[in-house]
Amino acid sequence: MRRVHLPESLGLSPVDDLNRAWTCGLPVNKGADPLFVLALMDVVGKTIDQWIIANGTSEEAKQQIWGPRKNCQNQRVYVGARANHNGKEEDVLALEPQYRARPLDGVWATAPYLHNGSVPTLRDMLLPQKERPTSFCVGSRQFDPINVGLVAKTQASDACAAGLTEFNVSLLGNANRGHSFEGRETDLTKLPPGVIGPELSDAERRALVEYLKTL
């Protein structure tokens, strides 16, 4: 969690400034050194405002420059915390640990899927976890453009061709569970571990696969 020291001469208080200018609703922060990302947002915002004032920019043009989105960070990633600074306890703003998902650009070309490469195609990723292939071959340059990923075996028991390696999900570290769409529950707060949404129809899976091909 990167913090930065702001000299008092700058007159900057990122949390107060952002809340006042944009009603961001960020929790109180009395720490001496604010979070870097909020300090950067405050500095950039004030720089833009000074440029607008110096150039006599109209209110309409100002709105076009800033656009419809507030200059605010997502409130849900911040939590109030206590920290010791020079022997004194202070109320500070802290980042709550979050999982950062990678961009999906080019996801069609990155099979097999999941962190351990245990799911051969995008379509298989969208199946309930119990229906995913239990065995497939890796090492081939053949590509399945329909299901998007590795070409599946005709039968799970089929041997891989010479030069290819079998991936068996029953082996230690090869599990293909999790990130599953299954069941009928739509309330995300009630989903069981490993499930991220209700089961998709074949049409919904196909539509999602076709969309992912375009990224």
C-alpha atoms as a PDB file:
ATOM      1  CA  MET A   1       0.000   0.000   0.000  1.00  0.00           C
ATOM      2  CA  ARG A   2       1.940   2.992  -1.297  1.00  0.00           C
ATOM      3  CA  ARG A   3       1.759   6.275   0.598  1.00  0.00           C
ATOM      4  CA  VAL A   4       3.335   9.622  -0.168  1.00  0.00           C
ATOM      5  CA  HIS A   5       4.445  12.579   1.954  1.00  0.00           C
ATOM      6  CA  LEU A   6       2.835  15.889   0.981  1.00  0.00           C
ATOM      7  CA  PRO A   7       4.553  19.033   2.328  1.00  0.00           C
ATOM      8  CA  GLU A   8       2.166  21.297   4.204  1.00  0.00           C
ATOM      9  CA  SER A   9       3.179  24.135   1.885  1.00  0.00           C
ATOM     10  CA  LEU A  10       1.195  22.456  -0.923  1.00  0.00           C
ATOM     11  CA  GLY A  11      -2.028  22.854   1.014  1.00  0.00           C
ATOM     12  CA  LEU A  12      -3.287  19.460  -0.133  1.00  0.00           C
ATOM     13  CA  SER A  13      -5.546  17.109   1.798  1.00  0.00           C
ATOM     14  CA  PRO A  14      -6.577  14.500  -0.799  1.00  0.00           C
ATOM     15  CA  VAL A  15      -9.511  12.911   1.014  1.00  0.00           C
ATOM     16  CA  ASP A  16     -10.977  16.259   2.110  1.00  0.00           C
ATOM     17  CA  ASP A  17     -10.342  17.839  -1.295  1.00  0.00           C
ATOM     18  CA  LEU A  18     -11.953  14.988  -3.256  1.00  0.00           C
ATOM     19  CA  ASN A  19     -14.931  14.775  -0.917  1.00  0.00           C
ATOM     20  CA  ARG A  20     -15.482  18.533  -1.104  1.00  0.00           C
ATOM     21  CA  ALA A  21     -15.087  18.855  -4.871  1.00  0.00           C
ATOM     22  CA  TRP A  22     -16.785  15.637  -5.957  1.00  0.00           C
ATOM     23  CA  THR A  23     -18.761  14.377  -2.920  1.00  0.00           C
ATOM     24  CA  CYS A  24     -16.804  11.108  -3.145  1.00  0.00           C
ATOM     25  CA  GLY A  25     -17.846   9.960   0.330  1.00  0.00           C
ATOM     26  CA  LEU A  26     -14.386   8.660   1.247  1.00  0.00           C
ATOM     27  CA  PRO A  27     -13.860   7.757   4.939  1.00  0.00           C
ATOM     28  CA  VAL A  28     -11.982  10.197   7.158  1.00  0.00           C
ATOM     29  CA  ASN A  29      -8.186  10.184   6.926  1.00  0.00           C
ATOM     30  CA  LYS A  30      -6.109  12.028   9.517  1.00  0.00           C
ATOM     31  CA  GLY A  31      -2.822  10.336   8.709  1.00  0.00           C
ATOM     32  CA  ALA A  32       0.229  12.405   7.850  1.00  0.00           C
ATOM     33  CA  ASP A  33       0.937  10.528   4.613  1.00  0.00           C
ATOM     34  CA  PRO A  34      -2.078   9.878   2.316  1.00  0.00           C
ATOM     35  CA  LEU A  35      -2.450   7.026  -0.148  1.00  0.00           C
ATOM     36  CA  PHE A  36      -0.490   7.699  -3.324  1.00  0.00           C
ATOM     37  CA  VAL A  37      -3.430   7.092  -5.673  1.00  0.00           C
ATOM     38  CA  LEU A  38      -5.623   9.652  -3.873  1.00  0.00           C
ATOM     39  CA  ALA A  39      -2.803  12.194  -3.711  1.00  0.00           C
ATOM     40  CA  LEU A  40      -2.255  11.785  -7.457  1.00  0.00           C
ATOM     41  CA  MET A  41      -5.967  12.231  -8.186  1.00  0.00           C
ATOM     42  CA  ASP A  42      -6.022  15.392  -6.064  1.00  0.00           C
ATOM     43  CA  VAL A  43      -2.928  16.900  -7.691  1.00  0.00           C
ATOM     44  CA  VAL A  44      -4.113  16.123 -11.229  1.00  0.00           C
ATOM     45  CA  GLY A  45      -7.587  17.467 -10.441  1.00  0.00           C
ATOM     46  CA  LYS A  46      -6.254  20.746  -9.049  1.00  0.00           C
ATOM     47  CA  THR A  47      -3.865  21.099 -11.993  1.00  0.00           C
ATOM     48  CA  ILE A  48      -6.755  20.739 -14.437  1.00  0.00           C
ATOM     49  CA  ASP A  49      -8.837  23.243 -12.459  1.00  0.00           C
ATOM     50  CA  GLN A  50      -5.988  25.775 -12.510  1.00  0.00           C
ATOM     51  CA  TRP A  51      -5.610  25.325 -16.276  1.00  0.00           C
ATOM     52  CA  ILE A  52      -9.350  25.868 -16.718  1.00  0.00           C
ATOM     53  CA  ILE A  53      -9.228  29.073 -14.646  1.00  0.00           C
ATOM     54  CA  ALA A  54      -6.099  30.384 -16.386  1.00  0.00           C
ATOM     55  CA  ASN A  55      -7.624  29.857 -19.821  1.00  0.00           C
ATOM     56  CA  GLY A  56     -11.044  31.284 -19.003  1.00  0.00           C
ATOM     57  CA  THR A  57     -12.685  28.024 -20.016  1.00  0.00           C
ATOM     58  CA  SER A  58     -16.477  28.072 -20.149  1.00  0.00           C
ATOM     59  CA  GLU A  59     -18.562  25.886 -17.842  1.00  0.00           C
ATOM     60  CA  GLU A  60     -19.761  23.867 -20.847  1.00  0.00           C
ATOM     61  CA  ALA A  61     -16.190  23.187 -21.972  1.00  0.00           C
ATOM     62  CA  LYS A  62     -15.230  22.315 -18.391  1.00  0.00           C
ATOM     63  CA  GLN A  63     -17.969  19.698 -18.285  1.00  0.00           C
ATOM     64  CA  GLN A  64     -16.723  18.238 -21.568  1.00  0.00           C
ATOM     65  CA  ILE A  65     -13.162  18.053 -20.231  1.00  0.00           C
ATOM     66  CA  TRP A  66     -14.163  16.241 -17.056  1.00  0.00           C
ATOM     67  CA  GLY A  67     -16.894  14.155 -18.624  1.00  0.00           C
ATOM     68  CA  PRO A  68     -19.829  12.621 -16.719  1.00  0.00           C
ATOM     69  CA  ARG A  69     -17.749  10.572 -14.277  1.00  0.00           C
ATOM     70  CA  LYS A  70     -16.743  11.991 -10.894  1.00  0.00           C
ATOM     71  CA  ASN A  71     -13.050  12.165 -10.011  1.00  0.00           C
ATOM     72  CA  CYS A  72     -13.593   9.554  -7.303  1.00  0.00           C
ATOM     73  CA  GLN A  73     -12.108   6.189  -6.445  1.00  0.00           C
ATOM     74  CA  ASN A  74     -14.374   3.234  -5.713  1.00  0.00           C
ATOM     75  CA  GLN A  75     -15.419   3.706  -2.071  1.00  0.00           C
ATOM     76  CA  ARG A  76     -15.672  -0.046  -1.527  1.00  0.00           C
ATOM     77  CA  VAL A  77     -11.909  -0.579  -1.774  1.00  0.00           C
ATOM     78  CA  TYR A  78     -11.177   1.690   1.202  1.00  0.00           C
ATOM     79  CA  VAL A  79     -11.541   1.004   4.899  1.00  0.00           C
ATOM     80  CA  GLY A  80     -10.852   3.053   7.999  1.00  0.00           C
ATOM     81  CA  ALA A  81      -7.848   1.891  10.015  1.00  0.00           C
ATOM     82  CA  ARG A  82      -5.588   2.946  12.888  1.00  0.00           C
ATOM     83  CA  ALA A  83      -1.868   3.528  12.431  1.00  0.00           C
ATOM     84  CA  ASN A  84       1.002   4.632  14.644  1.00  0.00           C
ATOM     85  CA  HIS A  85       2.878   7.698  13.404  1.00  0.00           C
ATOM     86  CA  ASN A  86       5.764   8.972  15.537  1.00  0.00           C
ATOM     87  CA  GLY A  87       4.288   7.271  18.581  1.00  0.00           C
ATOM     88  CA  LYS A  88       0.809   8.698  18.013  1.00  0.00           C
ATOM     89  CA  GLU A  89      -2.264   6.720  16.959  1.00  0.00           C
ATOM     90  CA  GLU A  90      -4.028   8.173  13.905  1.00  0.00           C
ATOM     91  CA  ASP A  91      -7.188   7.448  11.928  1.00  0.00           C
ATOM     92  CA  VAL A  92      -6.028   6.613   8.415  1.00  0.00           C
ATOM     93  CA  LEU A  93      -7.522   5.396   5.175  1.00  0.00           C
ATOM     94  CA  ALA A  94      -6.343   1.980   4.016  1.00  0.00           C
ATOM     95  CA  LEU A  95      -6.904  -0.150   0.941  1.00  0.00           C
ATOM     96  CA  GLU A  96      -8.848  -3.337   1.522  1.00  0.00           C
ATOM     97  CA  PRO A  97      -7.117  -6.270  -0.225  1.00  0.00           C
ATOM     98  CA  GLN A  98      -8.821  -7.045  -3.521  1.00  0.00           C
ATOM     99  CA  TYR A  99      -8.376  -9.611  -6.253  1.00  0.00           C
ATOM    100  CA  ARG A 100      -7.313  -7.818  -9.409  1.00  0.00           C
ATOM    101  CA  ALA A 101      -8.631  -9.577 -12.499  1.00  0.00           C
ATOM    102  CA  ARG A 102      -6.510  -9.343 -15.615  1.00  0.00           C
ATOM    103  CA  PRO A 103      -7.925  -7.790 -18.829  1.00  0.00           C
ATOM    104  CA  LEU A 104      -9.728 -10.208 -21.159  1.00  0.00           C
ATOM    105  CA  ASP A 105      -8.181  -8.810 -24.348  1.00  0.00           C
ATOM    106  CA  GLY A 106      -7.113 -11.756 -26.510  1.00  0.00           C
ATOM    107  CA  VAL A 107      -8.611 -14.289 -24.089  1.00  0.00           C
ATOM    108  CA  TRP A 108      -9.566 -16.440 -27.088  1.00  0.00           C
ATOM    109  CA  ALA A 109      -5.850 -17.150 -27.623  1.00  0.00           C
ATOM    110  CA  THR A 110      -4.904 -18.082 -24.061  1.00  0.00           C
ATOM    111  CA  ALA A 111      -6.303 -21.603 -23.582  1.00  0.00           C
ATOM    112  CA  PRO A 112      -6.215 -23.653 -21.430  1.00  0.00           C
ATOM    113  CA  TYR A 113      -7.999 -21.665 -18.731  1.00  0.00           C
ATOM    114  CA  LEU A 114      -7.931 -21.160 -14.939  1.00  0.00           C
ATOM    115  CA  HIS A 115      -4.695 -20.492 -13.065  1.00  0.00           C
ATOM    116  CA  ASN A 116      -3.487 -24.066 -13.563  1.00  0.00           C
ATOM    117  CA  GLY A 117      -4.623 -24.494 -17.159  1.00  0.00           C
ATOM    118  CA  SER A 118      -7.199 -27.115 -16.224  1.00  0.00           C
ATOM    119  CA  VAL A 119     -10.075 -26.096 -18.532  1.00  0.00           C
ATOM    120  CA  PRO A 120      -9.465 -26.553 -22.288  1.00  0.00           C
ATOM    121  CA  THR A 121     -11.997 -24.138 -23.829  1.00  0.00           C
ATOM    122  CA  LEU A 122     -14.002 -21.003 -23.095  1.00  0.00           C
ATOM    123  CA  ARG A 123     -17.244 -22.939 -23.498  1.00  0.00           C
ATOM    124  CA  ASP A 124     -16.069 -25.430 -20.864  1.00  0.00           C
ATOM    125  CA  MET A 125     -15.370 -22.515 -18.503  1.00  0.00           C
ATOM    126  CA  LEU A 126     -19.030 -21.527 -18.745  1.00  0.00           C
ATOM    127  CA  LEU A 127     -20.299 -25.026 -17.911  1.00  0.00           C
ATOM    128  CA  PRO A 128     -21.118 -26.153 -14.357  1.00  0.00           C
ATOM    129  CA  GLN A 129     -17.803 -27.339 -12.894  1.00  0.00           C
ATOM    130  CA  LYS A 130     -18.924 -30.978 -12.641  1.00  0.00           C
ATOM    131  CA  GLU A 131     -19.517 -31.043 -16.429  1.00  0.00           C
ATOM    132  CA  ARG A 132     -16.058 -29.829 -17.431  1.00  0.00           C
ATOM    133  CA  PRO A 133     -13.697 -32.258 -19.217  1.00  0.00           C
ATOM    134  CA  THR A 134     -11.708 -34.461 -16.861  1.00  0.00           C
ATOM    135  CA  SER A 135      -8.915 -35.128 -19.352  1.00  0.00           C
ATOM    136  CA  PHE A 136      -7.530 -33.436 -22.458  1.00  0.00           C
ATOM    137  CA  CYS A 137      -4.304 -33.205 -24.455  1.00  0.00           C
ATOM    138  CA  VAL A 138      -1.920 -30.244 -24.455  1.00  0.00           C
ATOM    139  CA  GLY A 139       0.902 -29.463 -26.851  1.00  0.00           C
ATOM    140  CA  SER A 140      -1.005 -29.460 -30.130  1.00  0.00           C
ATOM    141  CA  ARG A 141      -1.252 -26.446 -32.419  1.00  0.00           C
ATOM    142  CA  GLN A 142      -4.782 -27.408 -33.389  1.00  0.00           C
ATOM    143  CA  PHE A 143      -7.388 -24.864 -32.324  1.00  0.00           C
ATOM    144  CA  ASP A 144     -11.114 -25.280 -31.738  1.00  0.00           C
ATOM    145  CA  PRO A 145     -12.716 -22.083 -33.153  1.00  0.00           C
ATOM    146  CA  ILE A 146     -16.221 -23.080 -32.090  1.00  0.00           C
ATOM    147  CA  ASN A 147     -15.658 -23.719 -28.395  1.00  0.00           C
ATOM    148  CA  VAL A 148     -12.511 -21.557 -28.441  1.00  0.00           C
ATOM    149  CA  GLY A 149      -9.516 -23.414 -27.090  1.00  0.00           C
ATOM    150  CA  LEU A 150      -7.846 -26.781 -27.243  1.00  0.00           C
ATOM    151  CA  VAL A 151      -9.311 -29.574 -29.372  1.00  0.00           C
ATOM    152  CA  ALA A 152     -11.069 -32.052 -27.096  1.00  0.00           C
ATOM    153  CA  LYS A 153     -10.647 -35.820 -27.019  1.00  0.00           C
ATOM    154  CA  THR A 154     -13.432 -37.880 -28.562  1.00  0.00           C
ATOM    155  CA  GLN A 155     -13.501 -39.948 -25.360  1.00  0.00           C
ATOM    156  CA  ALA A 156     -11.945 -39.040 -22.007  1.00  0.00           C
ATOM    157  CA  SER A 157     -10.230 -42.444 -22.011  1.00  0.00           C
ATOM    158  CA  ASP A 158      -8.570 -41.880 -25.413  1.00  0.00           C
ATOM    159  CA  ALA A 159      -4.775 -41.712 -25.389  1.00  0.00           C
ATOM    160  CA  CYS A 160      -3.066 -38.514 -26.534  1.00  0.00           C
ATOM    161  CA  ALA A 161      -1.216 -38.553 -29.852  1.00  0.00           C
ATOM    162  CA  ALA A 162       2.559 -38.890 -29.887  1.00  0.00           C
ATOM    163  CA  GLY A 163       4.248 -35.703 -28.691  1.00  0.00           C
ATOM    164  CA  LEU A 164       1.225 -34.503 -26.714  1.00  0.00           C
ATOM    165  CA  THR A 165       0.769 -34.563 -22.945  1.00  0.00           C
ATOM    166  CA  GLU A 166      -2.370 -35.636 -21.112  1.00  0.00           C
ATOM    167  CA  PHE A 167      -3.805 -33.226 -18.551  1.00  0.00           C
ATOM    168  CA  ASN A 168      -5.795 -35.199 -15.976  1.00  0.00           C
ATOM    169  CA  VAL A 169      -7.783 -33.140 -13.482  1.00  0.00           C
ATOM    170  CA  SER A 170      -7.726 -35.917 -10.877  1.00  0.00           C
ATOM    171  CA  LEU A 171      -4.012 -35.386 -10.252  1.00  0.00           C
ATOM    172  CA  LEU A 172      -2.750 -33.194  -7.409  1.00  0.00           C
ATOM    173  CA  GLY A 173      -2.769 -29.528  -8.415  1.00  0.00           C
ATOM    174  CA  ASN A 174      -4.840 -30.156 -11.561  1.00  0.00           C
ATOM    175  CA  ALA A 175      -8.342 -29.524 -10.178  1.00  0.00           C
ATOM    176  CA  ASN A 176     -10.720 -27.687 -12.514  1.00  0.00           C
ATOM    177  CA  ARG A 177     -13.184 -26.553  -9.851  1.00  0.00           C
ATOM    178  CA  GLY A 178     -14.321 -23.014  -9.126  1.00  0.00           C
ATOM    179  CA  HIS A 179     -15.513 -19.985 -11.104  1.00  0.00           C
ATOM    180  CA  SER A 180     -18.593 -22.029 -11.923  1.00  0.00           C
ATOM    181  CA  PHE A 181     -22.004 -21.061 -13.270  1.00  0.00           C
ATOM    182  CA  GLU A 182     -24.457 -23.531 -11.736  1.00  0.00           C
ATOM    183  CA  GLY A 183     -27.725 -23.777  -9.840  1.00  0.00           C
ATOM    184  CA  ARG A 184     -30.490 -21.192  -9.916  1.00  0.00           C
ATOM    185  CA  GLU A 185     -29.477 -18.755  -7.178  1.00  0.00           C
ATOM    186  CA  THR A 186     -29.231 -15.195  -8.516  1.00  0.00           C
ATOM    187  CA  ASP A 187     -28.401 -13.429  -5.249  1.00  0.00           C
ATOM    188  CA  LEU A 188     -24.584 -13.150  -5.352  1.00  0.00           C
ATOM    189  CA  THR A 189     -24.412 -12.994  -1.560  1.00  0.00           C
ATOM    190  CA  LYS A 190     -25.980 -16.461  -1.274  1.00  0.00           C
ATOM    191  CA  LEU A 191     -23.866 -18.345  -3.815  1.00  0.00           C
ATOM    192  CA  PRO A 192     -21.896 -21.318  -2.453  1.00  0.00           C
ATOM    193  CA  PRO A 193     -18.075 -21.334  -2.570  1.00  0.00           C
ATOM    194  CA  GLY A 194     -16.697 -21.718  -6.083  1.00  0.00           C
ATOM    195  CA  VAL A 195     -19.909 -20.565  -7.781  1.00  0.00           C
ATOM    196  CA  ILE A 196     -20.070 -17.129  -9.392  1.00  0.00           C
ATOM    197  CA  GLY A 197     -23.513 -17.200 -10.965  1.00  0.00           C
ATOM    198  CA  PRO A 198     -26.555 -19.279 -11.946  1.00  0.00           C
ATOM    199  CA  GLU A 199     -26.324 -21.918 -14.658  1.00  0.00           C
ATOM    200  CA  LEU A 200     -26.331 -20.524 -18.195  1.00  0.00           C
ATOM    201  CA  SER A 201     -28.437 -21.819 -21.060  1.00  0.00           C
ATOM    202  CA  ASP A 202     -26.729 -23.152 -24.188  1.00  0.00           C
ATOM    203  CA  ALA A 203     -27.774 -19.991 -26.019  1.00  0.00           C
ATOM    204  CA  GLU A 204     -26.297 -17.779 -23.300  1.00  0.00           C
ATOM    205  CA  ARG A 205     -23.026 -19.730 -23.326  1.00  0.00           C
ATOM    206  CA  ARG A 206     -22.786 -19.470 -27.093  1.00  0.00           C
ATOM    207  CA  ALA A 207     -23.493 -15.735 -27.034  1.00  0.00           C
ATOM    208  CA  LEU A 208     -20.794 -15.163 -24.409  1.00  0.00           C
ATOM    209  CA  VAL A 209     -18.249 -17.235 -26.339  1.00  0.00           C
ATOM    210  CA  GLU A 210     -18.983 -15.306 -29.530  1.00  0.00           C
ATOM    211  CA  TYR A 211     -18.514 -12.035 -27.658  1.00  0.00           C
ATOM    212  CA  LEU A 212     -15.228 -13.163 -26.057  1.00  0.00           C
ATOM    213  CA  LYS A 213     -13.914 -13.969 -29.538  1.00  0.00           C
ATOM    214  CA  THR A 214     -14.077 -10.272 -30.395  1.00  0.00           C
ATOM    215  CA  LEU A 215     -11.840  -9.055 -27.551  1.00  0.00           C
END
